[in-house]
């Protein structure tokens, strides 16, 4: 599983964090407007992604990145 962070090319302040099994297909989906959460700010670029063997660990990390401390960590390191 991949945990990924996208940044909008239209509005560089817009960031989206998600999880997927196929990072390339998911980016294409975001950029084609299939996600209501991201269609307004497309196109998107992948800023960073992480691969996990364990789906549960990937979900835990995604949840962390979406938390206040995770957003602060992400802002500082990515």
PDB file of N, CA and C in Angstrom:
ATOM      1  N   UNK A   1       0.830  -1.184   0.000  1.00  0.00           N
ATOM      2  CA  UNK A   1       0.000   0.000   0.000  1.00  0.00           C
ATOM      3  C   UNK A   1       0.876   1.249   0.000  1.00  0.00           C
ATOM      4  N   UNK A   2       0.430   2.241  -0.701  1.00  0.00           N
ATOM      5  CA  UNK A   2       1.115   3.527  -0.748  1.00  0.00           C
ATOM      6  C   UNK A   2       0.331   4.562   0.053  1.00  0.00           C
ATOM      7  N   UNK A   3       1.041   5.353   0.818  1.00  0.00           N
ATOM      8  CA  UNK A   3       0.500   6.557   1.427  1.00  0.00           C
ATOM      9  C   UNK A   3       1.147   7.701   0.668  1.00  0.00           C
ATOM     10  N   UNK A   4       0.336   8.632   0.196  1.00  0.00           N
ATOM     11  CA  UNK A   4       0.873   9.670  -0.669  1.00  0.00           C
ATOM     12  C   UNK A   4       0.369  11.046  -0.259  1.00  0.00           C
ATOM     13  N   UNK A   5       1.144  12.047  -0.660  1.00  0.00           N
ATOM     14  CA  UNK A   5       0.786  13.440  -0.428  1.00  0.00           C
ATOM     15  C   UNK A   5       0.860  14.150  -1.768  1.00  0.00           C
ATOM     16  N   UNK A   6      -0.244  14.783  -2.152  1.00  0.00           N
ATOM     17  CA  UNK A   6      -0.314  15.529  -3.398  1.00  0.00           C
ATOM     18  C   UNK A   6      -0.314  17.021  -3.103  1.00  0.00           C
ATOM     19  N   UNK A   7       0.186  17.800  -4.059  1.00  0.00           N
ATOM     20  CA  UNK A   7       0.116  19.259  -3.967  1.00  0.00           C
ATOM     21  C   UNK A   7      -0.484  19.765  -5.280  1.00  0.00           C
ATOM     22  N   UNK A   8      -1.437  20.669  -5.160  1.00  0.00           N
ATOM     23  CA  UNK A   8      -2.099  21.234  -6.322  1.00  0.00           C
ATOM     24  C   UNK A   8      -1.146  22.144  -7.088  1.00  0.00           C
ATOM     25  N   UNK A   9      -1.155  22.030  -8.411  1.00  0.00           N
ATOM     26  CA  UNK A   9      -0.391  22.947  -9.257  1.00  0.00           C
ATOM     27  C   UNK A   9      -1.127  24.276  -9.395  1.00  0.00           C
ATOM     28  N   UNK A  10      -2.446  24.245  -9.229  1.00  0.00           N
ATOM     29  CA  UNK A  10      -3.281  25.436  -9.357  1.00  0.00           C
ATOM     30  C   UNK A  10      -3.160  26.344  -8.137  1.00  0.00           C
ATOM     31  N   UNK A  11      -3.194  25.732  -6.962  1.00  0.00           N
ATOM     32  CA  UNK A  11      -3.108  26.469  -5.690  1.00  0.00           C
ATOM     33  C   UNK A  11      -2.138  25.705  -4.796  1.00  0.00           C
ATOM     34  N   UNK A  12      -0.894  26.148  -4.737  1.00  0.00           N
ATOM     35  CA  UNK A  12       0.174  25.419  -4.040  1.00  0.00           C
ATOM     36  C   UNK A  12      -0.087  25.246  -2.549  1.00  0.00           C
ATOM     37  N   UNK A  13      -1.089  25.937  -2.001  1.00  0.00           N
ATOM     38  CA  UNK A  13      -1.415  25.754  -0.578  1.00  0.00           C
ATOM     39  C   UNK A  13      -2.299  24.532  -0.355  1.00  0.00           C
ATOM     40  N   UNK A  14      -2.868  23.998  -1.433  1.00  0.00           N
ATOM     41  CA  UNK A  14      -3.765  22.843  -1.315  1.00  0.00           C
ATOM     42  C   UNK A  14      -2.974  21.541  -1.352  1.00  0.00           C
ATOM     43  N   UNK A  15      -3.192  20.729  -0.312  1.00  0.00           N
ATOM     44  CA  UNK A  15      -2.501  19.443  -0.170  1.00  0.00           C
ATOM     45  C   UNK A  15      -3.548  18.371   0.084  1.00  0.00           C
ATOM     46  N   UNK A  16      -3.308  17.192  -0.451  1.00  0.00           N
ATOM     47  CA  UNK A  16      -4.200  16.055  -0.227  1.00  0.00           C
ATOM     48  C   UNK A  16      -3.356  14.853   0.158  1.00  0.00           C
ATOM     49  N   UNK A  17      -3.763  14.142   1.187  1.00  0.00           N
ATOM     50  CA  UNK A  17      -3.082  12.931   1.629  1.00  0.00           C
ATOM     51  C   UNK A  17      -4.035  11.761   1.476  1.00  0.00           C
ATOM     52  N   UNK A  18      -3.535  10.665   0.914  1.00  0.00           N
ATOM     53  CA  UNK A  18      -4.392   9.506   0.694  1.00  0.00           C
ATOM     54  C   UNK A  18      -3.622   8.200   0.725  1.00  0.00           C
ATOM     55  N   UNK A  19      -4.342   7.121   0.425  1.00  0.00           N
ATOM     56  CA  UNK A  19      -3.774   5.774   0.438  1.00  0.00           C
ATOM     57  C   UNK A  19      -4.298   5.023  -0.786  1.00  0.00           C
ATOM     58  N   UNK A  20      -3.449   4.187  -1.377  1.00  0.00           N
ATOM     59  CA  UNK A  20      -3.842   3.438  -2.569  1.00  0.00           C
ATOM     60  C   UNK A  20      -2.926   2.239  -2.773  1.00  0.00           C
ATOM     61  N   UNK A  21      -3.373   1.316  -3.604  1.00  0.00           N
ATOM     62  CA  UNK A  21      -2.534   0.189  -4.004  1.00  0.00           C
ATOM     63  C   UNK A  21      -1.773   0.503  -5.293  1.00  0.00           C
ATOM     64  N   UNK A  22      -2.291   1.442  -6.097  1.00  0.00           N
ATOM     65  CA  UNK A  22      -1.684   1.785  -7.392  1.00  0.00           C
ATOM     66  C   UNK A  22      -1.515   3.301  -7.467  1.00  0.00           C
ATOM     67  N   UNK A  23      -0.340   3.781  -7.177  1.00  0.00           N
ATOM     68  CA  UNK A  23      -0.080   5.214  -7.076  1.00  0.00           C
ATOM     69  C   UNK A  23      -0.303   5.938  -8.410  1.00  0.00           C
ATOM     70  N   UNK A  24       0.123   5.345  -9.518  1.00  0.00           N
ATOM     71  CA  UNK A  24      -0.031   5.999 -10.823  1.00  0.00           C
ATOM     72  C   UNK A  24      -1.492   6.105 -11.235  1.00  0.00           C
ATOM     73  N   UNK A  25      -2.254   5.047 -11.022  1.00  0.00           N
ATOM     74  CA  UNK A  25      -3.679   5.066 -11.360  1.00  0.00           C
ATOM     75  C   UNK A  25      -4.427   6.057 -10.469  1.00  0.00           C
ATOM     76  N   UNK A  26      -4.037   6.138  -9.215  1.00  0.00           N
ATOM     77  CA  UNK A  26      -4.717   7.056  -8.289  1.00  0.00           C
ATOM     78  C   UNK A  26      -4.432   8.507  -8.658  1.00  0.00           C
ATOM     79  N   UNK A  27      -3.200   8.831  -9.019  1.00  0.00           N
ATOM     80  CA  UNK A  27      -2.879  10.188  -9.454  1.00  0.00           C
ATOM     81  C   UNK A  27      -3.678  10.540 -10.709  1.00  0.00           C
ATOM     82  N   UNK A  28      -3.756   9.625 -11.648  1.00  0.00           N
ATOM     83  CA  UNK A  28      -4.534   9.854 -12.868  1.00  0.00           C
ATOM     84  C   UNK A  28      -6.006  10.088 -12.531  1.00  0.00           C
ATOM     85  N   UNK A  29      -6.514   9.354 -11.563  1.00  0.00           N
ATOM     86  CA  UNK A  29      -7.902   9.523 -11.126  1.00  0.00           C
ATOM     87  C   UNK A  29      -8.131  10.908 -10.528  1.00  0.00           C
ATOM     88  N   UNK A  30      -7.217  11.349  -9.678  1.00  0.00           N
ATOM     89  CA  UNK A  30      -7.323  12.700  -9.102  1.00  0.00           C
ATOM     90  C   UNK A  30      -7.272  13.759 -10.206  1.00  0.00           C
ATOM     91  N   UNK A  31      -6.367  13.605 -11.142  1.00  0.00           N
ATOM     92  CA  UNK A  31      -6.192  14.610 -12.191  1.00  0.00           C
ATOM     93  C   UNK A  31      -7.289  14.590 -13.251  1.00  0.00           C
ATOM     94  N   UNK A  32      -8.046  13.503 -13.333  1.00  0.00           N
ATOM     95  CA  UNK A  32      -9.152  13.452 -14.297  1.00  0.00           C
ATOM     96  C   UNK A  32     -10.466  13.907 -13.674  1.00  0.00           C
ATOM     97  N   UNK A  33     -10.455  14.229 -12.375  1.00  0.00           N
ATOM     98  CA  UNK A  33     -11.641  14.770 -11.732  1.00  0.00           C
ATOM     99  C   UNK A  33     -12.571  13.749 -11.116  1.00  0.00           C
ATOM    100  N   UNK A  34     -12.133  12.517 -10.956  1.00  0.00           N
ATOM    101  CA  UNK A  34     -12.996  11.475 -10.392  1.00  0.00           C
ATOM    102  C   UNK A  34     -13.179  11.574  -8.883  1.00  0.00           C
ATOM    103  N   UNK A  35     -12.368  12.345  -8.220  1.00  0.00           N
ATOM    104  CA  UNK A  35     -12.488  12.526  -6.768  1.00  0.00           C
ATOM    105  C   UNK A  35     -13.071  13.905  -6.484  1.00  0.00           C
ATOM    106  N   UNK A  36     -14.207  13.931  -5.805  1.00  0.00           N
ATOM    107  CA  UNK A  36     -14.852  15.216  -5.521  1.00  0.00           C
ATOM    108  C   UNK A  36     -14.005  16.089  -4.600  1.00  0.00           C
ATOM    109  N   UNK A  37     -13.162  15.475  -3.778  1.00  0.00           N
ATOM    110  CA  UNK A  37     -12.327  16.230  -2.843  1.00  0.00           C
ATOM    111  C   UNK A  37     -11.177  16.962  -3.541  1.00  0.00           C
ATOM    112  N   UNK A  38     -10.760  16.477  -4.688  1.00  0.00           N
ATOM    113  CA  UNK A  38      -9.581  17.054  -5.338  1.00  0.00           C
ATOM    114  C   UNK A  38      -9.856  17.666  -6.702  1.00  0.00           C
ATOM    115  N   UNK A  39     -11.041  17.489  -7.244  1.00  0.00           N
ATOM    116  CA  UNK A  39     -11.301  17.942  -8.618  1.00  0.00           C
ATOM    117  C   UNK A  39     -11.190  19.455  -8.772  1.00  0.00           C
ATOM    118  N   UNK A  40     -11.508  20.208  -7.730  1.00  0.00           N
ATOM    119  CA  UNK A  40     -11.496  21.670  -7.800  1.00  0.00           C
ATOM    120  C   UNK A  40     -10.083  22.240  -7.977  1.00  0.00           C
ATOM    121  N   UNK A  41      -9.073  21.534  -7.487  1.00  0.00           N
ATOM    122  CA  UNK A  41      -7.705  22.068  -7.475  1.00  0.00           C
ATOM    123  C   UNK A  41      -6.749  21.327  -8.400  1.00  0.00           C
ATOM    124  N   UNK A  42      -7.263  20.590  -9.347  1.00  0.00           N
ATOM    125  CA  UNK A  42      -6.379  19.862 -10.258  1.00  0.00           C
ATOM    126  C   UNK A  42      -5.745  20.797 -11.257  1.00  0.00           C
ATOM    127  N   UNK A  43      -4.633  20.453 -11.801  1.00  0.00           N
ATOM    128  CA  UNK A  43      -3.891  19.201 -11.693  1.00  0.00           C
ATOM    129  C   UNK A  43      -3.052  19.111 -10.417  1.00  0.00           C
ATOM    130  N   UNK A  44      -2.735  17.877 -10.072  1.00  0.00           N
ATOM    131  CA  UNK A  44      -1.979  17.555  -8.859  1.00  0.00           C
ATOM    132  C   UNK A  44      -0.645  16.930  -9.225  1.00  0.00           C
ATOM    133  N   UNK A  45       0.343  17.136  -8.359  1.00  0.00           N
ATOM    134  CA  UNK A  45       1.639  16.459  -8.449  1.00  0.00           C
ATOM    135  C   UNK A  45       1.838  15.650  -7.180  1.00  0.00           C
ATOM    136  N   UNK A  46       2.510  14.528  -7.310  1.00  0.00           N
ATOM    137  CA  UNK A  46       2.887  13.771  -6.122  1.00  0.00           C
ATOM    138  C   UNK A  46       4.058  14.485  -5.475  1.00  0.00           C
ATOM    139  N   UNK A  47       3.901  14.839  -4.218  1.00  0.00           N
ATOM    140  CA  UNK A  47       4.976  15.491  -3.487  1.00  0.00           C
ATOM    141  C   UNK A  47       5.869  14.451  -2.812  1.00  0.00           C
ATOM    142  N   UNK A  48       5.239  13.436  -2.222  1.00  0.00           N
ATOM    143  CA  UNK A  48       5.984  12.367  -1.561  1.00  0.00           C
ATOM    144  C   UNK A  48       5.066  11.149  -1.445  1.00  0.00           C
ATOM    145  N   UNK A  49       5.658   9.956  -1.471  1.00  0.00           N
ATOM    146  CA  UNK A  49       4.871   8.755  -1.193  1.00  0.00           C
ATOM    147  C   UNK A  49       5.732   7.743  -0.468  1.00  0.00           C
ATOM    148  N   UNK A  50       5.042   6.877   0.258  1.00  0.00           N
ATOM    149  CA  UNK A  50       5.687   5.834   1.059  1.00  0.00           C
ATOM    150  C   UNK A  50       4.997   4.522   0.750  1.00  0.00           C
ATOM    151  N   UNK A  51       5.773   3.456   0.668  1.00  0.00           N
ATOM    152  CA  UNK A  51       5.225   2.137   0.412  1.00  0.00           C
ATOM    153  C   UNK A  51       5.308   1.295   1.667  1.00  0.00           C
ATOM    154  N   UNK A  52       4.223   0.614   1.999  1.00  0.00           N
ATOM    155  CA  UNK A  52       4.146  -0.255   3.170  1.00  0.00           C
ATOM    156  C   UNK A  52       3.741  -1.651   2.734  1.00  0.00           C
ATOM    157  N   UNK A  53       4.371  -2.649   3.321  1.00  0.00           N
ATOM    158  CA  UNK A  53       3.975  -4.039   3.090  1.00  0.00           C
ATOM    159  C   UNK A  53       2.639  -4.288   3.771  1.00  0.00           C
ATOM    160  N   UNK A  54       2.479  -3.737   4.952  1.00  0.00           N
ATOM    161  CA  UNK A  54       1.287  -3.941   5.772  1.00  0.00           C
ATOM    162  C   UNK A  54       0.237  -2.848   5.506  1.00  0.00           C
ATOM    163  N   UNK A  55      -0.965  -3.273   5.144  1.00  0.00           N
ATOM    164  CA  UNK A  55      -2.038  -2.307   4.919  1.00  0.00           C
ATOM    165  C   UNK A  55      -2.401  -1.591   6.221  1.00  0.00           C
ATOM    166  N   UNK A  56      -2.375  -2.293   7.330  1.00  0.00           N
ATOM    167  CA  UNK A  56      -2.724  -1.657   8.606  1.00  0.00           C
ATOM    168  C   UNK A  56      -1.704  -0.582   8.985  1.00  0.00           C
ATOM    169  N   UNK A  57      -0.435  -0.824   8.734  1.00  0.00           N
ATOM    170  CA  UNK A  57       0.597   0.193   9.012  1.00  0.00           C
ATOM    171  C   UNK A  57       0.419   1.401   8.087  1.00  0.00           C
ATOM    172  N   UNK A  58       0.071   1.146   6.830  1.00  0.00           N
ATOM    173  CA  UNK A  58      -0.162   2.237   5.890  1.00  0.00           C
ATOM    174  C   UNK A  58      -1.335   3.094   6.362  1.00  0.00           C
ATOM    175  N   UNK A  59      -2.410   2.470   6.796  1.00  0.00           N
ATOM    176  CA  UNK A  59      -3.580   3.222   7.278  1.00  0.00           C
ATOM    177  C   UNK A  59      -3.246   4.026   8.533  1.00  0.00           C
ATOM    178  N   UNK A  60      -2.453   3.441   9.415  1.00  0.00           N
ATOM    179  CA  UNK A  60      -2.023   4.164  10.622  1.00  0.00           C
ATOM    180  C   UNK A  60      -1.196   5.396  10.245  1.00  0.00           C
ATOM    181  N   UNK A  61      -0.286   5.250   9.284  1.00  0.00           N
ATOM    182  CA  UNK A  61       0.564   6.371   8.875  1.00  0.00           C
ATOM    183  C   UNK A  61      -0.252   7.458   8.173  1.00  0.00           C
ATOM    184  N   UNK A  62      -1.207   7.051   7.326  1.00  0.00           N
ATOM    185  CA  UNK A  62      -2.087   8.023   6.675  1.00  0.00           C
ATOM    186  C   UNK A  62      -2.862   8.810   7.736  1.00  0.00           C
ATOM    187  N   UNK A  63      -3.404   8.106   8.714  1.00  0.00           N
ATOM    188  CA  UNK A  63      -4.150   8.760   9.794  1.00  0.00           C
ATOM    189  C   UNK A  63      -3.254   9.738  10.548  1.00  0.00           C
ATOM    190  N   UNK A  64      -2.016   9.336  10.809  1.00  0.00           N
ATOM    191  CA  UNK A  64      -1.060  10.214  11.485  1.00  0.00           C
ATOM    192  C   UNK A  64      -0.793  11.474  10.657  1.00  0.00           C
ATOM    193  N   UNK A  65      -0.540  11.317   9.349  1.00  0.00           N
ATOM    194  CA  UNK A  65      -0.243  12.473   8.499  1.00  0.00           C
ATOM    195  C   UNK A  65      -1.407  13.454   8.435  1.00  0.00           C
ATOM    196  N   UNK A  66      -2.624  12.969   8.655  1.00  0.00           N
ATOM    197  CA  UNK A  66      -3.806  13.828   8.626  1.00  0.00           C
ATOM    198  C   UNK A  66      -4.077  14.475   9.986  1.00  0.00           C
ATOM    199  N   UNK A  67      -3.338  14.078  11.009  1.00  0.00           N
ATOM    200  CA  UNK A  67      -3.507  14.663  12.343  1.00  0.00           C
ATOM    201  C   UNK A  67      -2.724  15.976  12.425  1.00  0.00           C
ATOM    202  N   UNK A  68      -2.951  16.724  13.471  1.00  0.00           N
ATOM    203  CA  UNK A  68      -2.236  17.989  13.658  1.00  0.00           C
ATOM    204  C   UNK A  68      -0.736  17.807  13.726  1.00  0.00           C
ATOM    205  N   UNK A  69      -0.274  16.849  14.527  1.00  0.00           N
ATOM    206  CA  UNK A  69       1.171  16.635  14.637  1.00  0.00           C
ATOM    207  C   UNK A  69       1.737  16.046  13.352  1.00  0.00           C
ATOM    208  N   UNK A  70       0.960  15.243  12.653  1.00  0.00           N
ATOM    209  CA  UNK A  70       1.400  14.685  11.375  1.00  0.00           C
ATOM    210  C   UNK A  70       1.533  15.745  10.305  1.00  0.00           C
ATOM    211  N   UNK A  71       0.600  16.709  10.285  1.00  0.00           N
ATOM    212  CA  UNK A  71       0.702  17.816   9.324  1.00  0.00           C
ATOM    213  C   UNK A  71       1.925  18.671   9.624  1.00  0.00           C
ATOM    214  N   UNK A  72       2.197  18.893  10.917  1.00  0.00           N
ATOM    215  CA  UNK A  72       3.389  19.668  11.296  1.00  0.00           C
ATOM    216  C   UNK A  72       4.661  18.927  10.888  1.00  0.00           C
ATOM    217  N   UNK A  73       4.704  17.618  11.121  1.00  0.00           N
ATOM    218  CA  UNK A  73       5.845  16.791  10.721  1.00  0.00           C
ATOM    219  C   UNK A  73       6.040  16.861   9.207  1.00  0.00           C
ATOM    220  N   UNK A  74       4.953  16.703   8.487  1.00  0.00           N
ATOM    221  CA  UNK A  74       4.987  16.716   7.028  1.00  0.00           C
ATOM    222  C   UNK A  74       5.495  18.063   6.504  1.00  0.00           C
ATOM    223  N   UNK A  75       5.000  19.136   7.076  1.00  0.00           N
ATOM    224  CA  UNK A  75       5.404  20.479   6.650  1.00  0.00           C
ATOM    225  C   UNK A  75       6.888  20.715   6.878  1.00  0.00           C
ATOM    226  N   UNK A  76       7.401  20.186   7.970  1.00  0.00           N
ATOM    227  CA  UNK A  76       8.811  20.375   8.313  1.00  0.00           C
ATOM    228  C   UNK A  76       9.739  19.506   7.455  1.00  0.00           C
ATOM    229  N   UNK A  77       9.312  18.296   7.136  1.00  0.00           N
ATOM    230  CA  UNK A  77      10.225  17.332   6.502  1.00  0.00           C
ATOM    231  C   UNK A  77       9.991  17.088   5.006  1.00  0.00           C
ATOM    232  N   UNK A  78       8.848  17.479   4.466  1.00  0.00           N
ATOM    233  CA  UNK A  78       8.602  17.197   3.039  1.00  0.00           C
ATOM    234  C   UNK A  78       8.505  18.481   2.272  1.00  0.00           C
TER     235      UNK A  78
END
